[in-house]
Amino acid sequence: MGVKDCMTIAAGHYALGPDNGTLSVRTLRAGAASKAGHNLLIEVAAWSGSIEVGEDGVPSSVELTADSRSLKVLEGTGGISPLSDNDKAGIAQTINDEVLKGTAIRFRSSSVDGEGDRLSVDGQLELSGRRHPLTFELTRSADGRLSGAAVVKQSSWGMKPYSALFGTLKVVDEVTVEVTAQLPSPS
């Protein structure tokens, strides 16, 4: 894979965030009592990202910052009964109080490589006060939309996945973080 074969974009700085994209987290449930729990789709309401593109039209850096206190449960699938608005608010509060504890979430690329309409992004993710390498792919569609997903193993960042009912209902250690954004005009 060579950078020169990568997607070309007009040179400049591209600012991303809730105005032109979505950042979300998907969780799955496990355990003997998993039928009682829900697979969750969680929106990150406060986030910002940027992509720097050089004069050669090739992206050279990707950054993202998210406010861990801005998580909002959009939906819960599965489970014995549907999630109420109070359930969703309670889950978001538990994530903030017991899992993320209001800590910063930051990603900064160390390299960006690509071919065609795909970019492979390597960098460091800071989560729960720890930093570890993370690699993910971004794909650009014909209409200028970027999309990508990364699997984050919570325990790698020292987080204990949520569990209830004496451990018979738990969130799977790997959660999927998804981003989709329409590239704005460069600044």
C-alpha atoms as a PDB file:
ATOM      1  CA  MET A   1       0.000   0.000   0.000  1.00  0.00           C
ATOM      2  CA  GLY A   2       1.512   3.334  -0.928  1.00  0.00           C
ATOM      3  CA  VAL A   3       0.501   6.810   0.155  1.00  0.00           C
ATOM      4  CA  LYS A   4       0.758   8.126  -3.396  1.00  0.00           C
ATOM      5  CA  ASP A   5      -1.940   5.634  -4.462  1.00  0.00           C
ATOM      6  CA  CYS A   6      -4.286   6.942  -1.785  1.00  0.00           C
ATOM      7  CA  MET A   7      -7.465   8.955  -2.162  1.00  0.00           C
ATOM      8  CA  THR A   8      -6.789  12.582  -3.024  1.00  0.00           C
ATOM      9  CA  ILE A   9      -8.563  15.413  -1.274  1.00  0.00           C
ATOM     10  CA  ALA A  10      -8.079  19.168  -1.680  1.00  0.00           C
ATOM     11  CA  ALA A  11      -5.234  20.399   0.557  1.00  0.00           C
ATOM     12  CA  GLY A  12      -6.201  21.947   3.873  1.00  0.00           C
ATOM     13  CA  HIS A  13      -7.567  21.374   7.347  1.00  0.00           C
ATOM     14  CA  TYR A  14     -10.917  19.595   7.653  1.00  0.00           C
ATOM     15  CA  ALA A  15     -12.880  20.030  10.890  1.00  0.00           C
ATOM     16  CA  LEU A  16     -15.295  17.235  11.798  1.00  0.00           C
ATOM     17  CA  GLY A  17     -17.900  17.020  14.553  1.00  0.00           C
ATOM     18  CA  PRO A  18     -21.604  16.610  15.310  1.00  0.00           C
ATOM     19  CA  ASP A  19     -22.508  19.265  12.705  1.00  0.00           C
ATOM     20  CA  ASN A  20     -21.293  17.067   9.856  1.00  0.00           C
ATOM     21  CA  GLY A  21     -20.967  13.583  11.321  1.00  0.00           C
ATOM     22  CA  THR A  22     -21.762  11.008  13.970  1.00  0.00           C
ATOM     23  CA  LEU A  23     -19.575   9.215  16.480  1.00  0.00           C
ATOM     24  CA  SER A  24     -21.140   6.193  18.128  1.00  0.00           C
ATOM     25  CA  VAL A  25     -20.333   3.148  20.220  1.00  0.00           C
ATOM     26  CA  ARG A  26     -21.946  -0.276  19.877  1.00  0.00           C
ATOM     27  CA  THR A  27     -21.899  -2.749  22.752  1.00  0.00           C
ATOM     28  CA  LEU A  28     -22.958  -6.388  22.884  1.00  0.00           C
ATOM     29  CA  ARG A  29     -24.130  -8.415  25.871  1.00  0.00           C
ATOM     30  CA  ALA A  30     -22.957 -11.806  27.122  1.00  0.00           C
ATOM     31  CA  GLY A  31     -23.362 -14.171  30.041  1.00  0.00           C
ATOM     32  CA  ALA A  32     -25.968 -16.607  31.294  1.00  0.00           C
ATOM     33  CA  ALA A  33     -28.502 -13.794  31.808  1.00  0.00           C
ATOM     34  CA  SER A  34     -27.722 -12.027  28.523  1.00  0.00           C
ATOM     35  CA  LYS A  35     -31.334 -12.345  27.359  1.00  0.00           C
ATOM     36  CA  ALA A  36     -32.259  -9.848  30.068  1.00  0.00           C
ATOM     37  CA  GLY A  37     -29.796  -7.215  28.769  1.00  0.00           C
ATOM     38  CA  HIS A  38     -29.600  -5.139  25.628  1.00  0.00           C
ATOM     39  CA  ASN A  39     -27.120  -4.559  22.822  1.00  0.00           C
ATOM     40  CA  LEU A  40     -26.649  -0.797  22.902  1.00  0.00           C
ATOM     41  CA  LEU A  41     -26.157   1.946  20.339  1.00  0.00           C
ATOM     42  CA  ILE A  42     -24.637   4.949  22.120  1.00  0.00           C
ATOM     43  CA  GLU A  43     -24.122   8.378  20.561  1.00  0.00           C
ATOM     44  CA  VAL A  44     -21.204  10.592  21.521  1.00  0.00           C
ATOM     45  CA  ALA A  45     -22.842  14.035  21.476  1.00  0.00           C
ATOM     46  CA  ALA A  46     -19.739  16.200  22.065  1.00  0.00           C
ATOM     47  CA  TRP A  47     -16.734  15.420  19.873  1.00  0.00           C
ATOM     48  CA  SER A  48     -14.432  17.012  17.351  1.00  0.00           C
ATOM     49  CA  GLY A  49     -12.027  15.667  14.813  1.00  0.00           C
ATOM     50  CA  SER A  50      -9.678  16.928  12.161  1.00  0.00           C
ATOM     51  CA  ILE A  51      -7.929  15.710   9.062  1.00  0.00           C
ATOM     52  CA  GLU A  52      -4.875  17.465   7.642  1.00  0.00           C
ATOM     53  CA  VAL A  53      -4.277  17.091   3.923  1.00  0.00           C
ATOM     54  CA  GLY A  54      -0.998  18.102   2.295  1.00  0.00           C
ATOM     55  CA  GLU A  55      -0.465  19.877  -1.014  1.00  0.00           C
ATOM     56  CA  ASP A  56      -0.192  16.443  -2.657  1.00  0.00           C
ATOM     57  CA  GLY A  57      -3.848  15.788  -1.771  1.00  0.00           C
ATOM     58  CA  VAL A  58      -2.965  12.962   0.618  1.00  0.00           C
ATOM     59  CA  PRO A  59      -4.222  12.961   4.236  1.00  0.00           C
ATOM     60  CA  SER A  60      -1.274  13.210   6.616  1.00  0.00           C
ATOM     61  CA  SER A  61      -2.878  13.263  10.076  1.00  0.00           C
ATOM     62  CA  VAL A  62      -6.126  12.398  11.831  1.00  0.00           C
ATOM     63  CA  GLU A  63      -7.150  13.536  15.317  1.00  0.00           C
ATOM     64  CA  LEU A  64     -10.265  13.087  17.414  1.00  0.00           C
ATOM     65  CA  THR A  65     -11.352  14.238  20.873  1.00  0.00           C
ATOM     66  CA  ALA A  66     -14.565  13.156  22.598  1.00  0.00           C
ATOM     67  CA  ASP A  67     -16.243  14.159  25.848  1.00  0.00           C
ATOM     68  CA  SER A  68     -16.918  10.902  27.705  1.00  0.00           C
ATOM     69  CA  ARG A  69     -19.671  12.647  29.698  1.00  0.00           C
ATOM     70  CA  SER A  70     -21.683  13.309  26.531  1.00  0.00           C
ATOM     71  CA  LEU A  71     -22.752   9.718  25.859  1.00  0.00           C
ATOM     72  CA  LYS A  72     -26.427   9.206  25.091  1.00  0.00           C
ATOM     73  CA  VAL A  73     -28.033   5.780  24.696  1.00  0.00           C
ATOM     74  CA  LEU A  74     -30.018   5.877  21.454  1.00  0.00           C
ATOM     75  CA  GLU A  75     -31.352   2.331  21.460  1.00  0.00           C
ATOM     76  CA  GLY A  76     -31.172  -1.041  23.102  1.00  0.00           C
ATOM     77  CA  THR A  77     -31.998  -4.136  21.077  1.00  0.00           C
ATOM     78  CA  GLY A  78     -32.803  -7.543  22.465  1.00  0.00           C
ATOM     79  CA  GLY A  79     -33.635  -7.834  26.116  1.00  0.00           C
ATOM     80  CA  ILE A  80     -36.825  -8.897  27.838  1.00  0.00           C
ATOM     81  CA  SER A  81     -38.463  -5.477  27.632  1.00  0.00           C
ATOM     82  CA  PRO A  82     -37.754  -2.266  25.719  1.00  0.00           C
ATOM     83  CA  LEU A  83     -35.546   0.383  27.317  1.00  0.00           C
ATOM     84  CA  SER A  84     -37.424   3.381  28.704  1.00  0.00           C
ATOM     85  CA  ASP A  85     -35.999   6.904  28.589  1.00  0.00           C
ATOM     86  CA  ASN A  86     -35.180   6.519  32.311  1.00  0.00           C
ATOM     87  CA  ASP A  87     -33.350   3.235  31.574  1.00  0.00           C
ATOM     88  CA  LYS A  88     -31.312   4.927  28.841  1.00  0.00           C
ATOM     89  CA  ALA A  89     -30.410   7.848  31.109  1.00  0.00           C
ATOM     90  CA  GLY A  90     -29.446   5.424  33.892  1.00  0.00           C
ATOM     91  CA  ILE A  91     -27.185   3.434  31.554  1.00  0.00           C
ATOM     92  CA  ALA A  92     -25.459   6.623  30.375  1.00  0.00           C
ATOM     93  CA  GLN A  93     -24.951   7.685  34.000  1.00  0.00           C
ATOM     94  CA  THR A  94     -23.497   4.266  34.906  1.00  0.00           C
ATOM     95  CA  ILE A  95     -21.092   4.424  31.942  1.00  0.00           C
ATOM     96  CA  ASN A  96     -19.920   7.845  33.090  1.00  0.00           C
ATOM     97  CA  ASP A  97     -19.705   7.022  36.821  1.00  0.00           C
ATOM     98  CA  GLU A  98     -18.401   3.448  36.734  1.00  0.00           C
ATOM     99  CA  VAL A  99     -16.732   2.825  33.371  1.00  0.00           C
ATOM    100  CA  LEU A 100     -15.298   6.006  31.839  1.00  0.00           C
ATOM    101  CA  LYS A 101     -15.385   8.148  35.002  1.00  0.00           C
ATOM    102  CA  GLY A 102     -15.397  11.392  33.023  1.00  0.00           C
ATOM    103  CA  THR A 103     -11.895  10.827  31.618  1.00  0.00           C
ATOM    104  CA  ALA A 104     -10.660  12.312  28.353  1.00  0.00           C
ATOM    105  CA  ILE A 105     -10.899  10.403  25.097  1.00  0.00           C
ATOM    106  CA  ARG A 106      -8.290  11.401  22.505  1.00  0.00           C
ATOM    107  CA  PHE A 107      -6.873   9.849  19.361  1.00  0.00           C
ATOM    108  CA  ARG A 108      -3.857  11.174  17.460  1.00  0.00           C
ATOM    109  CA  SER A 109      -2.475   9.481  14.375  1.00  0.00           C
ATOM    110  CA  SER A 110       1.190   8.602  14.035  1.00  0.00           C
ATOM    111  CA  SER A 111       0.872   7.518  10.389  1.00  0.00           C
ATOM    112  CA  VAL A 112      -1.718   7.555   7.632  1.00  0.00           C
ATOM    113  CA  ASP A 113      -1.338   5.240   4.668  1.00  0.00           C
ATOM    114  CA  GLY A 114      -3.769   4.516   1.906  1.00  0.00           C
ATOM    115  CA  GLU A 115      -4.762   3.007  -1.357  1.00  0.00           C
ATOM    116  CA  GLY A 116      -7.715   4.009  -3.482  1.00  0.00           C
ATOM    117  CA  ASP A 117     -10.549   5.241  -1.287  1.00  0.00           C
ATOM    118  CA  ARG A 118      -9.232   3.564   1.895  1.00  0.00           C
ATOM    119  CA  LEU A 119      -6.962   4.988   4.547  1.00  0.00           C
ATOM    120  CA  SER A 120      -5.228   2.941   7.206  1.00  0.00           C
ATOM    121  CA  VAL A 121      -4.719   5.108  10.288  1.00  0.00           C
ATOM    122  CA  ASP A 122      -2.267   4.142  13.051  1.00  0.00           C
ATOM    123  CA  GLY A 123      -2.009   6.115  16.254  1.00  0.00           C
ATOM    124  CA  GLN A 124      -2.491   6.329  19.993  1.00  0.00           C
ATOM    125  CA  LEU A 125      -5.848   6.269  21.766  1.00  0.00           C
ATOM    126  CA  GLU A 126      -6.014   7.824  25.217  1.00  0.00           C
ATOM    127  CA  LEU A 127      -8.890   6.343  27.165  1.00  0.00           C
ATOM    128  CA  SER A 128      -9.498   6.010  30.885  1.00  0.00           C
ATOM    129  CA  GLY A 129      -6.158   7.676  31.603  1.00  0.00           C
ATOM    130  CA  ARG A 130      -4.121   5.206  29.533  1.00  0.00           C
ATOM    131  CA  ARG A 131      -2.625   5.366  26.046  1.00  0.00           C
ATOM    132  CA  HIS A 132      -2.321   2.411  23.677  1.00  0.00           C
ATOM    133  CA  PRO A 133      -1.876   1.902  19.919  1.00  0.00           C
ATOM    134  CA  LEU A 134      -4.977   1.680  17.771  1.00  0.00           C
ATOM    135  CA  THR A 135      -5.332   1.059  14.034  1.00  0.00           C
ATOM    136  CA  PHE A 136      -8.481   1.523  11.981  1.00  0.00           C
ATOM    137  CA  GLU A 137      -9.559   2.135   8.400  1.00  0.00           C
ATOM    138  CA  LEU A 138     -11.410   5.086   6.941  1.00  0.00           C
ATOM    139  CA  THR A 139     -13.265   4.745   3.664  1.00  0.00           C
ATOM    140  CA  ARG A 140     -14.277   7.639   1.429  1.00  0.00           C
ATOM    141  CA  SER A 141     -17.407   7.264  -0.665  1.00  0.00           C
ATOM    142  CA  ALA A 142     -17.977   8.940  -4.045  1.00  0.00           C
ATOM    143  CA  ASP A 143     -20.072  11.669  -2.369  1.00  0.00           C
ATOM    144  CA  GLY A 144     -17.211  12.651  -0.016  1.00  0.00           C
ATOM    145  CA  ARG A 145     -18.418  10.815   3.062  1.00  0.00           C
ATOM    146  CA  LEU A 146     -15.830   9.277   5.365  1.00  0.00           C
ATOM    147  CA  SER A 147     -16.685   6.261   7.469  1.00  0.00           C
ATOM    148  CA  GLY A 148     -14.718   3.950   9.683  1.00  0.00           C
ATOM    149  CA  ALA A 149     -14.844   1.705  12.715  1.00  0.00           C
ATOM    150  CA  ALA A 150     -12.430   0.540  15.370  1.00  0.00           C
ATOM    151  CA  VAL A 151     -12.770  -2.257  17.893  1.00  0.00           C
ATOM    152  CA  VAL A 152     -11.695  -1.181  21.366  1.00  0.00           C
ATOM    153  CA  LYS A 153     -11.026  -3.844  23.972  1.00  0.00           C
ATOM    154  CA  GLN A 154     -11.951  -2.113  27.229  1.00  0.00           C
ATOM    155  CA  SER A 155      -9.660  -4.206  29.433  1.00  0.00           C
ATOM    156  CA  SER A 156      -6.628  -3.104  27.365  1.00  0.00           C
ATOM    157  CA  TRP A 157      -7.232   0.378  28.776  1.00  0.00           C
ATOM    158  CA  GLY A 158      -7.724  -0.894  32.334  1.00  0.00           C
ATOM    159  CA  MET A 159     -11.514  -0.660  32.199  1.00  0.00           C
ATOM    160  CA  LYS A 160     -13.649  -3.411  33.621  1.00  0.00           C
ATOM    161  CA  PRO A 161     -16.600  -4.099  31.320  1.00  0.00           C
ATOM    162  CA  TYR A 162     -19.909  -3.508  33.055  1.00  0.00           C
ATOM    163  CA  SER A 163     -21.582  -6.525  34.656  1.00  0.00           C
ATOM    164  CA  ALA A 164     -24.714  -7.110  36.727  1.00  0.00           C
ATOM    165  CA  LEU A 165     -26.624  -9.937  38.360  1.00  0.00           C
ATOM    166  CA  PHE A 166     -23.448 -11.349  39.937  1.00  0.00           C
ATOM    167  CA  GLY A 167     -21.653 -11.403  36.582  1.00  0.00           C
ATOM    168  CA  THR A 168     -24.336 -13.383  34.739  1.00  0.00           C
ATOM    169  CA  LEU A 169     -25.096 -10.312  32.592  1.00  0.00           C
ATOM    170  CA  LYS A 170     -22.162  -8.393  31.203  1.00  0.00           C
ATOM    171  CA  VAL A 171     -21.044  -6.156  28.383  1.00  0.00           C
ATOM    172  CA  VAL A 172     -18.634  -7.869  25.996  1.00  0.00           C
ATOM    173  CA  ASP A 173     -15.069  -6.558  26.440  1.00  0.00           C
ATOM    174  CA  GLU A 174     -14.808  -5.432  22.792  1.00  0.00           C
ATOM    175  CA  VAL A 175     -16.920  -2.435  21.803  1.00  0.00           C
ATOM    176  CA  THR A 176     -17.094  -0.977  18.304  1.00  0.00           C
ATOM    177  CA  VAL A 177     -16.551   2.741  17.809  1.00  0.00           C
ATOM    178  CA  GLU A 178     -17.953   4.064  14.515  1.00  0.00           C
ATOM    179  CA  VAL A 179     -17.509   7.425  12.822  1.00  0.00           C
ATOM    180  CA  THR A 180     -19.255   8.768   9.747  1.00  0.00           C
ATOM    181  CA  ALA A 181     -18.800  12.321   8.494  1.00  0.00           C
ATOM    182  CA  GLN A 182     -19.337  14.419   5.397  1.00  0.00           C
ATOM    183  CA  LEU A 183     -16.086  16.170   4.496  1.00  0.00           C
ATOM    184  CA  PRO A 184     -16.702  19.913   4.774  1.00  0.00           C
ATOM    185  CA  SER A 185     -14.851  22.541   2.776  1.00  0.00           C
ATOM    186  CA  PRO A 186     -11.232  22.833   3.891  1.00  0.00           C
ATOM    187  CA  SER A 187     -10.025  25.777   5.926  1.00  0.00           C
END
